[in-house]
Amino acid sequence: MKRFLTFLALLLMIFSCKKENKITDSELVSISKIDTLYHDSISIRALTIKDSEVWFAGSNGKYGAINFETHKIFRGRIQFDTIFPEFRSIASNKEEIFIMSVASPGLLYKISNDKKVTKLVYQENGEKVFYDSMQFIDNSSGFAMGDPVENCLNVIKTEDGGKNWSKINCDVLPKVEDGEAAFAASNTNLIIRNNTIFMLSGGKKSRCFVSEDLGKTWNVYDTPIIQGETMTGIFTADFYNDKIGIVAGGNYENQTDNSTNKAITTDGGKTWKLIAKNKGFGYASCIQFVPNTEGKEIMCAGGTGIYYSKNFGEDWKKIHEAKNIYTFRFLNDSIAFAAGRNNVLRINLKK
């Protein structure tokens, strides 16, 4: 009996050690290197990758492009009357880059690929004007969305490659509820996948607006994300395809709260499931699926650092302490370009 008990204790100790030392899939991902590509006095929440360049637009009228192969940097600045606009939206088609300012006057500029021509193509004035995000579907069609100026989200579209823009009538769009708006945190609350458009709102009501016919008709669906106050709700979202999506955000005024600030959908935004309650990151500014991972791998940046998941967001590992990254985009599954306070960075992942 004594020998048996000794053997049993030894066996339990071995299994206990194995359990304690078990390394999860998420722990296998880390940041191997961060390179600073650009430094200036600027706040950047709009970033896009086009060909061999990463374009950015930010505060004080500043925008630019960095060739990540030649390391050549282009710097631009726009002044409108006496205003240096704050740009928080950026998008591109084959011919041009488009940047849009956040508040009245809402100013949308197109910039030629060679960076020689900058032209104002849309302007909107009004106390409630506040644009959050912009995306192109193809070379001709694009959309931009913002906070309500009437009883619906403020949505404009182009069908001629960005030369002309017009509003989508509120008769077509779902009505917003009291205190429902959107956040211009990272140019990520308007997403287009195939022929489906997703728009995410926040504030006192935080919902998912979906059009499956390129903006002709719309439906709106509730989400379980924290909401009810002005600075709560969805701040960022991404869709891996037209079915699998993730939303994140939280309470901007309580950035460590990670209780109900992330959710996933597998049916194109119709239903949502809370994930990682009281685990992982707090307030989220930008979340993105990692390319070529079937939606399993996700990275998030925000007020509590940079986090990574390898299991559809159920578990998260903090991979960097940086709290001043507002937006990022993946070049491939191992390299992301990020921006925020004063910097554009290249993040190299070790997997």
Protein backbone atom coordinates (compact mmCIF):
# COMPACT_ATOMS: atom_id res chain seq x y z
CA MET A 1 0.00 0.00 0.00
CA LYS A 2 2.80 2.40 0.89
CA ARG A 3 4.51 1.77 -2.45
CA PHE A 4 1.20 2.28 -4.26
CA LEU A 5 0.56 5.61 -2.52
CA THR A 6 4.08 6.79 -3.29
CA PHE A 7 3.61 5.86 -6.95
CA LEU A 8 0.23 7.62 -7.05
CA ALA A 9 1.69 10.78 -5.52
CA LEU A 10 4.53 10.75 -8.03
CA LEU A 11 2.06 10.30 -10.89
CA LEU A 12 -0.09 13.19 -9.70
CA MET A 13 2.98 15.40 -9.37
CA ILE A 14 4.07 14.62 -12.95
CA PHE A 15 0.64 15.41 -14.40
CA SER A 16 0.40 18.55 -12.26
CA CYS A 17 3.75 19.81 -13.57
CA LYS A 18 2.72 19.05 -17.13
CA LYS A 19 -0.48 21.03 -16.67
CA GLU A 20 1.33 24.00 -15.13
CA ASN A 21 3.96 24.08 -17.88
CA LYS A 22 1.57 23.63 -20.76
CA ILE A 23 2.09 26.28 -23.46
CA THR A 24 -1.04 27.33 -25.30
CA ASP A 25 -1.16 28.12 -29.00
CA SER A 26 -1.57 31.83 -28.25
CA GLU A 27 1.68 31.88 -26.27
CA LEU A 28 3.61 30.82 -29.36
CA VAL A 29 3.04 34.25 -30.97
CA SER A 30 5.19 37.21 -30.02
CA ILE A 31 6.54 40.43 -31.49
CA SER A 32 10.08 39.91 -32.71
CA LYS A 33 10.76 43.49 -33.81
CA ILE A 34 9.13 46.92 -34.12
CA ASP A 35 10.59 49.41 -36.60
CA THR A 36 9.73 53.10 -36.59
CA LEU A 37 9.10 54.12 -40.20
CA TYR A 38 7.88 57.66 -39.59
CA HIS A 39 7.94 60.09 -36.66
CA ASP A 40 6.23 63.47 -36.38
CA SER A 41 3.96 65.47 -34.13
CA ILE A 42 0.74 63.85 -35.33
CA SER A 43 -2.17 61.67 -34.22
CA ILE A 44 -2.91 58.98 -36.83
CA ARG A 45 -6.13 56.94 -36.89
CA ALA A 46 -6.33 56.28 -40.65
CA LEU A 47 -3.97 53.84 -42.36
CA THR A 48 -4.09 51.77 -45.56
CA ILE A 49 -1.67 49.67 -47.60
CA LYS A 50 -1.50 50.14 -51.34
CA ASP A 51 1.05 48.33 -53.49
CA SER A 52 4.43 48.86 -51.79
CA GLU A 53 3.32 51.88 -49.75
CA VAL A 54 1.59 52.42 -46.45
CA TRP A 55 -0.51 55.60 -46.56
CA PHE A 56 -1.59 57.50 -43.46
CA ALA A 57 -3.75 60.52 -42.63
CA GLY A 58 -4.00 62.29 -39.32
CA SER A 59 -4.26 65.51 -37.35
CA ASN A 60 -3.27 69.04 -38.28
CA GLY A 61 -3.93 68.47 -41.99
CA LYS A 62 -1.06 65.98 -42.32
CA TYR A 63 -0.98 62.90 -44.52
CA GLY A 64 1.70 60.90 -46.26
CA ALA A 65 3.04 57.65 -47.68
CA ILE A 66 5.97 55.42 -46.85
CA ASN A 67 7.46 53.04 -49.39
CA PHE A 68 8.38 50.06 -47.25
CA GLU A 69 10.70 48.68 -49.94
CA THR A 70 12.74 51.81 -50.75
CA HIS A 71 12.04 53.57 -47.39
CA LYS A 72 11.18 56.77 -49.26
CA ILE A 73 8.78 59.01 -47.34
CA PHE A 74 6.26 61.44 -48.83
CA ARG A 75 4.79 64.13 -46.60
CA GLY A 76 1.74 66.21 -47.44
CA ARG A 77 -0.38 68.80 -45.67
CA ILE A 78 -3.76 70.27 -46.50
CA GLN A 79 -5.12 73.64 -45.44
CA PHE A 80 -8.77 74.58 -46.01
CA ASP A 81 -9.27 78.31 -45.48
CA THR A 82 -7.75 78.77 -42.01
CA ILE A 83 -8.31 75.13 -41.01
CA PHE A 84 -5.85 72.26 -40.96
CA PRO A 85 -8.35 69.35 -40.96
CA GLU A 86 -8.16 66.27 -38.77
CA PHE A 87 -8.31 63.25 -41.06
CA ARG A 88 -9.59 59.96 -39.63
CA SER A 89 -10.75 58.08 -42.75
CA ILE A 90 -8.72 56.77 -45.67
CA ALA A 91 -9.45 54.48 -48.63
CA SER A 92 -8.17 53.81 -52.12
CA ASN A 93 -9.05 52.51 -55.56
CA LYS A 94 -6.63 51.75 -58.39
CA GLU A 95 -6.07 55.37 -59.40
CA GLU A 96 -6.25 57.41 -56.21
CA ILE A 97 -6.13 57.69 -52.44
CA PHE A 98 -9.05 59.31 -50.58
CA ILE A 99 -8.85 60.96 -47.15
CA MET A 100 -11.71 62.48 -45.17
CA SER A 101 -11.81 64.84 -42.22
CA VAL A 102 -13.80 63.98 -39.16
CA ALA A 103 -15.85 67.07 -38.23
CA SER A 104 -17.53 70.08 -39.81
CA PRO A 105 -16.65 70.94 -42.40
CA GLY A 106 -16.47 67.31 -43.53
CA LEU A 107 -13.86 67.43 -46.29
CA LEU A 108 -13.12 64.55 -48.67
CA TYR A 109 -10.00 64.81 -50.83
CA LYS A 110 -8.67 62.58 -53.57
CA ILE A 111 -4.93 62.30 -54.10
CA SER A 112 -3.35 60.96 -57.26
CA ASN A 113 -1.09 57.92 -57.02
CA ASP A 114 1.88 60.04 -58.02
CA LYS A 115 0.96 62.43 -55.17
CA LYS A 116 1.07 65.48 -57.45
CA VAL A 117 -2.67 66.28 -57.55
CA THR A 118 -4.92 66.83 -54.52
CA LYS A 119 -8.55 67.76 -55.12
CA LEU A 120 -11.53 68.39 -52.84
CA VAL A 121 -14.40 66.21 -54.10
CA TYR A 122 -16.96 66.52 -51.28
CA GLN A 123 -17.75 69.00 -48.54
CA GLU A 124 -20.43 68.92 -45.86
CA ASN A 125 -21.08 71.60 -43.27
CA GLY A 126 -23.23 71.29 -40.19
CA GLU A 127 -23.02 71.15 -36.42
CA LYS A 128 -23.65 67.37 -36.35
CA VAL A 129 -21.29 66.40 -39.17
CA PHE A 130 -18.80 63.80 -37.93
CA TYR A 131 -17.39 61.20 -40.35
CA ASP A 132 -15.96 57.96 -38.99
CA SER A 133 -14.90 55.58 -41.75
CA MET A 134 -14.56 55.11 -45.52
CA GLN A 135 -14.04 52.10 -47.85
CA PHE A 136 -14.08 51.29 -51.56
CA ILE A 137 -15.73 48.14 -52.94
CA ASP A 138 -13.97 48.28 -56.31
CA ASN A 139 -12.49 50.89 -58.61
CA SER A 140 -15.84 52.67 -59.03
CA SER A 141 -17.93 52.27 -55.88
CA GLY A 142 -17.13 53.56 -52.42
CA PHE A 143 -18.89 54.50 -49.18
CA ALA A 144 -18.22 56.73 -46.17
CA MET A 145 -20.25 56.80 -42.97
CA GLY A 146 -20.60 59.10 -40.01
CA ASP A 147 -22.72 60.08 -37.03
CA PRO A 148 -26.40 60.91 -37.58
CA VAL A 149 -27.25 64.37 -38.82
CA GLU A 150 -30.92 63.43 -39.14
CA ASN A 151 -32.51 60.18 -37.89
CA CYS A 152 -30.09 57.77 -39.56
CA LEU A 153 -26.36 57.25 -39.86
CA ASN A 154 -24.85 59.75 -42.29
CA VAL A 155 -23.78 57.73 -45.35
CA ILE A 156 -22.40 58.98 -48.66
CA LYS A 157 -21.45 56.97 -51.74
CA THR A 158 -19.69 57.29 -55.08
CA GLU A 159 -20.28 55.28 -58.23
CA ASP A 160 -17.77 57.01 -60.50
CA GLY A 161 -14.47 56.28 -58.82
CA GLY A 162 -14.69 59.07 -56.26
CA LYS A 163 -15.24 62.01 -58.60
CA ASN A 164 -18.71 62.68 -57.18
CA TRP A 165 -20.32 61.72 -53.87
CA SER A 166 -23.98 61.81 -52.79
CA LYS A 167 -25.95 61.00 -49.66
CA ILE A 168 -27.99 57.85 -49.14
CA ASN A 169 -31.46 59.00 -48.12
CA CYS A 170 -32.64 58.25 -44.59
CA ASP A 171 -35.72 56.58 -46.10
CA VAL A 172 -33.41 53.73 -47.16
CA LEU A 173 -31.39 53.42 -43.93
CA PRO A 174 -32.59 52.09 -40.57
CA LYS A 175 -33.46 54.71 -37.99
CA VAL A 176 -30.98 55.28 -35.19
CA GLU A 177 -32.00 55.26 -31.55
CA ASP A 178 -31.48 58.03 -29.02
CA GLY A 179 -27.77 58.50 -28.31
CA GLU A 180 -26.66 56.11 -31.06
CA ALA A 181 -23.67 57.30 -33.09
CA ALA A 182 -20.26 55.89 -34.10
CA PHE A 183 -16.58 56.26 -33.22
CA ALA A 184 -13.76 57.43 -35.47
CA ALA A 185 -11.16 55.39 -33.59
CA SER A 186 -9.36 53.55 -36.41
CA ASN A 187 -11.36 53.71 -39.67
CA THR A 188 -12.80 50.29 -38.84
CA ASN A 189 -16.54 50.63 -38.28
CA LEU A 190 -17.34 50.44 -42.00
CA ILE A 191 -16.34 47.11 -43.56
CA ILE A 192 -17.14 45.73 -47.02
CA ARG A 193 -16.81 42.04 -47.85
CA ASN A 194 -17.95 40.77 -51.26
CA ASN A 195 -21.28 42.55 -51.81
CA THR A 196 -22.05 43.02 -48.12
CA ILE A 197 -21.58 46.28 -46.23
CA PHE A 198 -21.30 46.34 -42.43
CA MET A 199 -21.59 49.51 -40.32
CA LEU A 200 -21.14 49.45 -36.55
CA SER A 201 -22.58 52.02 -34.17
CA GLY A 202 -21.74 52.89 -30.58
CA GLY A 203 -22.76 55.06 -27.69
CA LYS A 204 -26.04 54.58 -25.88
CA LYS A 205 -26.94 51.96 -28.50
CA SER A 206 -24.40 49.75 -30.27
CA ARG A 207 -25.65 47.78 -33.26
CA CYS A 208 -24.64 46.22 -36.58
CA PHE A 209 -26.13 47.65 -39.79
CA VAL A 210 -25.98 45.25 -42.75
CA SER A 211 -26.66 45.65 -46.47
CA GLU A 212 -26.30 42.55 -48.63
CA ASP A 213 -26.95 44.41 -51.90
CA LEU A 214 -24.34 47.20 -51.83
CA GLY A 215 -26.44 49.73 -49.97
CA LYS A 216 -29.83 49.38 -51.67
CA THR A 217 -31.55 47.83 -48.63
CA TRP A 218 -30.50 47.56 -44.99
CA ASN A 219 -31.18 45.59 -41.83
CA VAL A 220 -29.96 46.33 -38.31
CA TYR A 221 -29.13 43.83 -35.55
CA ASP A 222 -28.48 44.19 -31.82
CA THR A 223 -25.13 43.31 -30.25
CA PRO A 224 -24.37 42.30 -26.65
CA ILE A 225 -21.43 44.73 -26.34
CA ILE A 226 -21.43 47.08 -23.35
CA GLN A 227 -23.51 50.17 -24.21
CA GLY A 228 -25.81 52.74 -22.66
CA GLU A 229 -23.36 55.60 -22.10
CA THR A 230 -21.96 58.12 -24.56
CA MET A 231 -18.44 56.62 -24.61
CA THR A 232 -19.38 52.92 -24.62
CA GLY A 233 -20.01 50.41 -27.36
CA ILE A 234 -18.27 49.19 -30.52
CA PHE A 235 -15.17 51.22 -31.40
CA THR A 236 -13.76 48.81 -33.97
CA ALA A 237 -14.74 45.79 -36.07
CA ASP A 238 -13.45 43.47 -38.75
CA PHE A 239 -14.90 40.74 -40.94
CA TYR A 240 -12.82 37.84 -42.23
CA ASN A 241 -15.42 37.25 -44.94
CA ASP A 242 -19.11 38.07 -45.31
CA LYS A 243 -20.03 35.68 -42.45
CA ILE A 244 -17.29 35.66 -39.81
CA GLY A 245 -16.85 38.94 -37.95
CA ILE A 246 -15.68 40.43 -34.67
CA VAL A 247 -16.53 43.65 -32.84
CA ALA A 248 -14.67 45.19 -29.93
CA GLY A 249 -14.60 48.35 -27.89
CA GLY A 250 -15.71 48.82 -24.33
CA ASN A 251 -15.85 51.86 -22.11
CA TYR A 252 -13.43 54.59 -23.16
CA GLU A 253 -13.71 56.14 -19.69
CA ASN A 254 -12.86 52.83 -17.96
CA GLN A 255 -10.27 51.31 -20.26
CA THR A 256 -9.37 48.30 -18.11
CA ASP A 257 -12.93 46.93 -18.18
CA ASN A 258 -12.84 43.73 -20.27
CA SER A 259 -16.13 42.21 -19.14
CA THR A 260 -18.41 42.61 -22.18
CA ASN A 261 -16.32 44.38 -24.80
CA LYS A 262 -15.86 41.76 -27.55
CA ALA A 263 -18.19 39.56 -29.58
CA ILE A 264 -18.16 37.39 -32.70
CA THR A 265 -20.64 36.51 -35.42
CA THR A 266 -20.67 33.60 -37.84
CA ASP A 267 -23.84 34.53 -39.73
CA GLY A 268 -22.95 37.89 -41.23
CA GLY A 269 -23.79 40.09 -38.27
CA LYS A 270 -27.30 38.83 -37.59
CA THR A 271 -26.44 37.28 -34.22
CA TRP A 272 -23.51 37.93 -31.88
CA LYS A 273 -21.88 36.00 -29.05
CA LEU A 274 -19.82 37.58 -26.28
CA ILE A 275 -16.32 36.10 -25.99
CA ALA A 276 -13.47 36.26 -23.46
CA LYS A 277 -15.58 37.86 -20.74
CA ASN A 278 -13.28 39.31 -18.07
CA LYS A 279 -10.28 38.11 -20.09
CA GLY A 280 -7.85 39.73 -22.51
CA PHE A 281 -7.82 43.37 -23.52
CA GLY A 282 -9.88 46.25 -22.17
CA TYR A 283 -10.78 49.23 -24.35
CA ALA A 284 -10.07 48.40 -28.01
CA SER A 285 -9.20 50.97 -30.67
CA CYS A 286 -8.49 48.58 -33.57
CA ILE A 287 -9.07 44.87 -34.17
CA GLN A 288 -8.09 42.89 -37.26
CA PHE A 289 -8.20 39.29 -38.46
CA VAL A 290 -4.81 37.90 -39.42
CA PRO A 291 -4.74 37.00 -43.15
CA ASN A 292 -4.85 33.37 -44.24
CA THR A 293 -5.85 31.99 -40.83
CA GLU A 294 -9.51 31.12 -41.58
CA GLY A 295 -10.60 33.68 -39.00
CA LYS A 296 -8.89 31.89 -36.10
CA GLU A 297 -6.14 34.43 -35.48
CA ILE A 298 -6.90 38.01 -34.43
CA MET A 299 -4.88 40.95 -33.15
CA CYS A 300 -6.14 43.93 -31.17
CA ALA A 301 -4.61 47.24 -30.08
CA GLY A 302 -5.99 49.66 -27.54
CA GLY A 303 -5.76 51.18 -24.11
CA THR A 304 -4.32 48.10 -22.39
CA GLY A 305 -1.74 47.05 -25.00
CA ILE A 306 -1.53 44.74 -28.02
CA TYR A 307 -3.18 41.33 -27.73
CA TYR A 308 -3.25 38.23 -29.93
CA SER A 309 -5.65 35.28 -30.16
CA LYS A 310 -5.28 32.01 -32.04
CA ASN A 311 -8.68 30.51 -31.21
CA PHE A 312 -11.38 32.84 -32.57
CA GLY A 313 -10.96 35.28 -29.68
CA GLU A 314 -11.71 32.91 -26.84
CA ASP A 315 -8.26 33.41 -25.30
CA TRP A 316 -5.84 36.31 -25.62
CA LYS A 317 -2.15 36.88 -24.92
CA LYS A 318 -0.67 40.33 -24.41
CA ILE A 319 2.26 40.60 -26.83
CA HIS A 320 3.21 44.25 -26.24
CA GLU A 321 2.58 46.96 -23.67
CA ALA A 322 2.14 49.78 -26.24
CA LYS A 323 -0.98 51.80 -25.46
CA ASN A 324 -0.54 54.55 -28.05
CA ILE A 325 -1.32 52.51 -31.18
CA TYR A 326 -4.71 53.52 -32.60
CA THR A 327 -4.89 51.61 -35.88
CA PHE A 328 -3.06 48.92 -37.86
CA ARG A 329 -3.35 46.78 -41.01
CA PHE A 330 -1.72 43.49 -41.98
CA LEU A 331 0.55 43.18 -45.00
CA ASN A 332 0.61 39.40 -44.51
CA ASP A 333 0.28 36.99 -41.60
CA SER A 334 3.62 38.07 -40.07
CA ILE A 335 3.88 41.82 -40.74
CA ALA A 336 1.52 44.62 -39.75
CA PHE A 337 1.81 48.37 -40.16
CA ALA A 338 0.55 50.38 -37.21
CA ALA A 339 0.08 54.04 -36.34
CA GLY A 340 -1.03 56.19 -33.46
CA ARG A 341 0.56 58.95 -31.46
CA ASN A 342 3.45 60.45 -33.48
CA ASN A 343 4.58 57.25 -35.22
CA VAL A 344 4.05 54.83 -38.08
CA LEU A 345 5.48 51.42 -37.19
CA ARG A 346 6.20 48.06 -38.76
CA ILE A 347 5.39 45.18 -36.42
CA ASN A 348 7.08 41.85 -37.12
CA LEU A 349 5.43 38.82 -35.56
CA LYS A 350 7.28 35.68 -34.52
CA LYS A 351 4.99 32.67 -34.95
